[in-house]
Protein backbone atom coordinates (compact mmCIF):
# COMPACT_ATOMS: atom_id res chain seq x y z
CA ASP A 1 221.71 164.79 198.78
CA TRP A 2 224.70 166.93 197.76
CA GLY A 3 224.01 169.56 200.40
CA ALA A 4 224.43 166.95 203.13
CA TRP A 5 228.05 166.53 202.05
CA ILE A 6 229.22 169.68 200.30
CA PRO A 7 229.20 172.89 202.41
CA VAL A 8 228.51 176.32 200.95
CA ASP A 9 232.25 176.99 200.46
CA GLY A 10 233.09 173.48 199.20
CA LYS A 11 235.32 173.18 196.14
CA PHE A 12 233.75 170.60 193.84
CA THR A 13 235.12 169.46 190.51
CA VAL A 14 233.66 166.72 188.33
CA ASN A 15 235.72 164.00 186.64
CA GLY A 16 234.19 161.56 184.20
CA LYS A 17 234.68 158.37 182.23
CA SER A 18 232.53 156.57 179.69
CA VAL A 19 232.68 152.90 178.66
CA LYS A 20 230.28 151.38 176.12
CA SER A 21 227.78 154.19 176.60
CA THR A 22 225.81 156.20 174.07
CA LEU A 23 226.77 159.22 176.19
CA HIS A 24 230.35 159.19 174.94
CA SER A 25 231.24 162.89 175.35
CA VAL A 26 232.86 162.93 178.80
CA PRO A 27 233.31 166.75 178.99
CA ASP A 28 229.58 167.24 178.30
CA CYS A 29 228.63 164.69 180.96
CA GLN A 30 230.93 166.41 183.47
CA ALA A 31 229.35 169.79 182.69
CA ILE A 32 225.81 168.39 183.06
CA VAL A 33 226.62 166.88 186.46
CA LYS A 34 228.36 170.06 187.65
CA LYS A 35 225.33 172.15 186.67
CA ALA A 36 222.92 169.72 188.37
CA VAL A 37 224.94 169.78 191.62
CA VAL A 38 225.07 173.59 191.55
CA GLU A 39 221.29 173.77 191.13
CA LYS A 40 220.78 171.42 194.11
CA LEU A 41 223.16 173.44 196.29
CA LYS A 42 221.40 176.69 195.30
CA LEU A 43 218.17 175.30 196.73
CA LYS A 44 219.85 174.38 200.02
CA TYR A 45 221.98 177.46 200.61
CA LYS A 46 219.73 180.07 198.92
CA VAL A 47 222.64 181.62 196.98
CA ASP A 48 223.34 182.05 193.26
CA TRP A 49 227.15 181.88 193.38
CA PHE A 50 229.66 179.56 195.08
CA ASP A 51 233.21 180.75 195.77
CA GLU A 52 234.54 177.17 196.18
CA THR A 53 237.33 178.18 198.57
CA GLY A 54 236.91 175.32 201.05
CA ALA A 55 237.81 171.61 201.14
CA ASP A 56 237.95 169.47 197.97
CA TYR A 57 234.96 167.34 197.00
CA THR A 58 235.89 165.59 193.76
CA ILE A 59 232.81 164.11 192.12
CA GLN A 60 233.11 161.37 189.52
CA VAL A 61 230.48 160.39 186.97
CA ALA A 62 231.16 156.91 185.59
CA LEU A 63 229.11 155.76 182.62
CA LEU A 64 229.14 152.02 181.93
CA ASN A 65 226.66 150.42 179.52
CA ASP A 66 224.39 153.49 179.86
CA THR A 67 224.28 153.27 183.65
CA ALA A 68 225.63 156.32 185.49
CA THR A 69 227.31 155.97 188.88
CA LEU A 70 228.04 159.11 190.89
CA THR A 71 230.67 159.06 193.64
CA ILE A 72 232.70 161.49 195.75
CA ASP A 73 236.42 160.78 196.12
CA THR A 74 237.25 160.44 199.83
CA SER A 75 240.94 159.70 199.27
CA GLY A 76 242.46 162.50 197.21
CA TYR A 77 245.59 161.27 195.48
CA SER A 78 245.81 157.55 194.66
CA LEU A 79 245.61 155.08 197.55
CA HIS A 80 248.73 153.19 196.48
CA LYS A 81 250.74 156.24 197.55
CA ARG A 82 251.61 155.62 201.19
CA GLY A 83 253.13 159.03 201.82
CA TYR A 84 256.76 158.04 202.39
CA ARG A 85 258.04 157.90 198.82
CA ALA A 86 258.85 161.51 198.02
CA GLU A 87 261.55 160.34 195.66
CA ALA A 88 261.43 157.49 193.14
CA MET A 89 263.66 156.29 190.34
CA ASP A 90 262.55 155.40 186.80
CA ALA A 91 259.65 152.91 186.54
CA PRO A 92 259.04 152.58 190.29
CA LEU A 93 256.98 149.67 191.59
CA LYS A 94 253.69 150.77 193.17
CA GLU A 95 253.72 150.36 196.94
CA THR A 96 250.58 148.20 196.88
CA LEU A 97 252.10 145.86 194.29
CA ALA A 98 255.29 145.55 196.34
CA ALA A 99 253.23 144.67 199.43
CA ALA A 100 251.25 142.11 197.39
CA MET A 101 254.48 140.42 196.23
CA ILE A 102 255.65 140.17 199.84
CA ASP A 103 252.26 138.82 200.94
CA LEU A 104 252.35 136.15 198.20
CA SER A 105 255.84 135.02 199.23
CA TYR A 106 257.05 132.68 201.98
CA TRP A 107 258.59 135.62 203.81
CA ARG A 108 257.73 136.24 207.44
CA LYS A 109 259.28 138.81 209.76
CA ASN A 110 261.58 136.20 211.35
CA ARG A 111 263.14 135.38 207.95
CA ILE A 112 265.70 137.27 205.88
CA LEU A 113 264.46 139.37 202.96
CA PHE A 114 266.80 140.60 200.22
CA ASP A 115 266.15 142.77 197.18
CA PRO A 116 269.32 142.89 195.04
CA MET A 117 267.86 145.47 192.63
CA CYS A 118 265.95 147.58 195.10
CA GLY A 119 265.89 150.93 193.25
CA SER A 120 264.21 153.47 195.54
CA GLY A 121 263.63 150.76 198.16
CA THR A 122 259.92 150.10 197.88
CA ILE A 123 260.01 146.31 198.49
CA PRO A 124 262.33 146.42 201.56
CA ILE A 125 260.39 149.36 203.00
CA GLU A 126 257.01 147.66 202.56
CA ALA A 127 258.42 144.50 204.19
CA ALA A 128 259.73 146.50 207.14
CA MET A 129 256.35 148.21 207.56
CA ILE A 130 254.62 144.80 207.53
CA ALA A 131 257.11 143.44 210.08
CA ARG A 132 256.53 146.36 212.44
CA ASN A 133 252.77 146.45 211.83
CA ILE A 134 252.88 150.03 210.54
CA ALA A 135 249.54 150.90 208.97
CA PRO A 136 249.80 151.71 205.24
CA GLY A 137 248.94 155.34 204.64
CA LEU A 138 249.90 156.43 208.15
CA ASN A 139 252.13 159.17 206.71
CA ARG A 140 249.65 160.51 204.17
CA THR A 141 246.51 162.62 204.23
CA PHE A 142 243.05 161.89 202.83
CA ALA A 143 240.67 164.33 201.17
CA CYS A 144 237.77 163.62 203.52
CA GLU A 145 239.81 164.62 206.59
CA GLN A 146 238.87 168.20 205.69
CA TRP A 147 235.18 167.43 205.24
CA GLU A 148 232.77 168.84 207.82
CA ARG A 149 230.69 165.66 207.84
CA VAL A 150 233.70 163.41 208.51
CA GLY A 151 235.99 165.64 210.52
CA LYS A 152 239.59 165.45 211.71
CA ALA A 153 238.71 163.84 215.06
CA LEU A 154 237.99 160.44 213.50
CA PHE A 155 241.30 160.43 211.64
CA LYS A 156 243.17 161.53 214.76
CA GLN A 157 241.62 158.63 216.69
CA ALA A 158 242.50 156.17 213.90
CA ARG A 159 246.10 157.41 213.80
CA VAL A 160 246.47 157.13 217.59
CA GLU A 161 245.26 153.52 217.40
CA ALA A 162 247.63 152.81 214.50
CA TYR A 163 250.64 154.25 216.32
CA LYS A 164 249.82 152.19 219.42
CA ALA A 165 249.74 149.04 217.25
CA ILE A 166 253.29 149.50 215.92
CA ASP A 167 255.75 146.84 217.11
CA TYR A 168 258.87 148.89 217.76
CA ASP A 169 260.63 145.88 219.31
CA CYS A 170 260.64 144.00 216.00
CA CYS A 171 264.06 144.11 214.30
CA PRO A 172 263.71 142.29 210.97
CA ARG A 173 266.66 141.30 208.81
CA ILE A 174 265.98 143.15 205.57
CA TYR A 175 268.58 144.02 202.94
CA GLY A 176 268.47 146.03 199.75
CA SER A 177 271.19 146.71 197.21
CA ASP A 178 271.48 148.40 193.84
CA ILE A 179 274.24 149.28 191.39
CA ASP A 180 273.13 152.93 191.38
CA PRO A 181 274.41 155.06 194.32
CA GLU A 182 271.70 157.66 193.65
CA ALA A 183 269.00 154.99 193.98
CA ILE A 184 270.42 153.83 197.32
CA ALA A 185 270.53 157.42 198.59
CA VAL A 186 266.85 157.82 197.65
CA ALA A 187 265.99 154.44 199.25
CA LYS A 188 267.59 155.49 202.54
CA GLU A 189 265.67 158.78 202.50
CA ASN A 190 262.37 156.99 201.80
CA ALA A 191 263.01 154.44 204.56
CA GLU A 192 263.63 157.26 207.02
CA LYS A 193 260.34 158.93 206.03
CA ALA A 194 258.54 155.60 206.50
CA GLY A 195 260.07 155.22 209.97
CA VAL A 196 261.88 151.96 209.16
CA ASP A 197 265.43 153.14 208.40
CA ASP A 198 266.73 151.10 211.37
CA CYS A 199 265.20 147.91 209.91
CA ILE A 200 266.92 147.89 206.52
CA GLU A 201 270.54 147.74 205.43
CA PHE A 202 270.98 149.40 202.04
CA THR A 203 274.25 149.02 200.10
CA VAL A 204 275.60 149.98 196.68
CA CYS A 205 276.42 146.68 195.01
CA PRO A 206 276.20 145.29 191.43
CA LEU A 207 274.15 142.12 191.03
CA GLU A 208 277.17 139.96 190.13
CA LYS A 209 278.72 140.72 193.53
CA ALA A 210 275.54 140.23 195.58
CA ALA A 211 275.41 137.38 198.11
CA LEU A 212 272.62 135.55 199.95
CA MET A 213 273.11 136.05 203.68
CA GLY A 214 272.07 133.09 205.86
CA ASP A 215 269.60 130.31 205.08
CA TYR A 216 265.87 130.12 204.26
CA GLY A 217 265.60 133.73 203.15
CA CYS A 218 263.41 135.26 200.47
CA MET A 219 264.65 137.25 197.52
CA ILE A 220 261.90 139.54 196.24
CA THR A 221 262.78 141.91 193.44
CA ASN A 222 261.56 144.05 190.54
CA PRO A 223 264.38 143.93 187.94
CA PRO A 224 264.61 145.94 184.70
CA TYR A 225 262.28 144.51 182.04
CA GLY A 226 264.22 145.31 178.86
CA GLU A 227 261.20 146.59 176.96
CA ARG A 228 263.18 149.29 175.11
CA LEU A 229 264.93 148.46 171.85
CA GLY A 230 268.53 147.40 172.39
CA GLU A 231 268.12 146.56 176.09
CA LEU A 232 266.98 142.95 175.71
CA LYS A 233 270.42 141.29 175.60
CA THR A 234 271.60 143.27 178.62
CA VAL A 235 268.51 142.29 180.60
CA GLU A 236 268.80 138.63 179.57
CA GLU A 237 272.36 138.61 180.91
CA LEU A 238 271.14 140.27 184.10
CA TYR A 239 268.51 137.55 184.54
CA ARG A 240 271.16 134.84 184.04
CA THR A 241 273.21 136.48 186.79
CA LEU A 242 270.12 136.45 188.99
CA GLY A 243 269.74 132.72 188.35
CA LYS A 244 273.37 132.09 189.30
CA LEU A 245 272.82 134.01 192.54
CA MET A 246 269.86 131.78 193.43
CA GLU A 247 271.91 128.66 192.76
CA THR A 248 274.33 129.62 195.54
CA ASN A 249 271.82 128.63 198.25
CA SER A 250 269.02 126.13 197.62
CA THR A 251 267.21 127.04 200.88
CA TRP A 252 266.22 130.45 199.54
CA SER A 253 262.95 131.28 197.73
CA SER A 254 262.80 133.82 194.93
CA TYR A 255 259.97 136.08 193.74
CA VAL A 256 260.49 138.20 190.64
CA ILE A 257 258.05 140.39 188.71
CA THR A 258 258.82 140.71 185.01
CA SER A 259 257.08 141.01 181.65
CA MET A 260 259.50 138.55 180.01
CA GLU A 261 257.51 135.38 179.31
CA TYR A 262 260.61 133.14 179.07
CA PHE A 263 262.20 134.56 182.25
CA GLU A 264 262.50 131.19 184.04
CA LYS A 265 264.32 129.63 181.08
């Protein structure tokens, strides 16, 4: 019942995808769905033209094995975007993947966390948000906040509850370093936007000069992968340096994401 969701001034676009379907022309399928929705809304609102000046209602038609699934996107831009990372360096790690790496590790908020190749600071920031119980997405907006049927009041209530749940007394020991001063400047800015700049110590430091502070910490990092021609030897040497760093303290645990299959060797 499209009229139950989309108001007379609603802006509705149709996205599509087709997998293993005889209906393989996605633009045609999008046009068919758009026309069908318009016809339904005409019946409800008794008008022949829609200005589409209101809130966004992005409809998706997904065709899989000749079964069509129609959905409306409640989120807007991708959910992995938390809203704090206005700046990012090359090949940034998605926030959700960084959080998953932390969740898979032995790290807890009473232990030290160190990212010696932190880039724009995603892993340290996600760890600090977990430590302080800051809800992911607290700093972003969602498409359905503007919808008449959902309304801003529900989101306001959810945000109030989320802010009340934050543990401001928690002071985790989280460190991030990188050889690039620009990356560290961006990391500090992102941490401030996330509200955790007082939880993380960022420093400009090359990997060969990095040190493990204290015992029983966790090193979680997303190093360069060396997938471009000519970079492999440099990255292999970087990984050897990473191994030497880990050998300096046997109480630490390490978690590294890489596409290099022989990384551990």
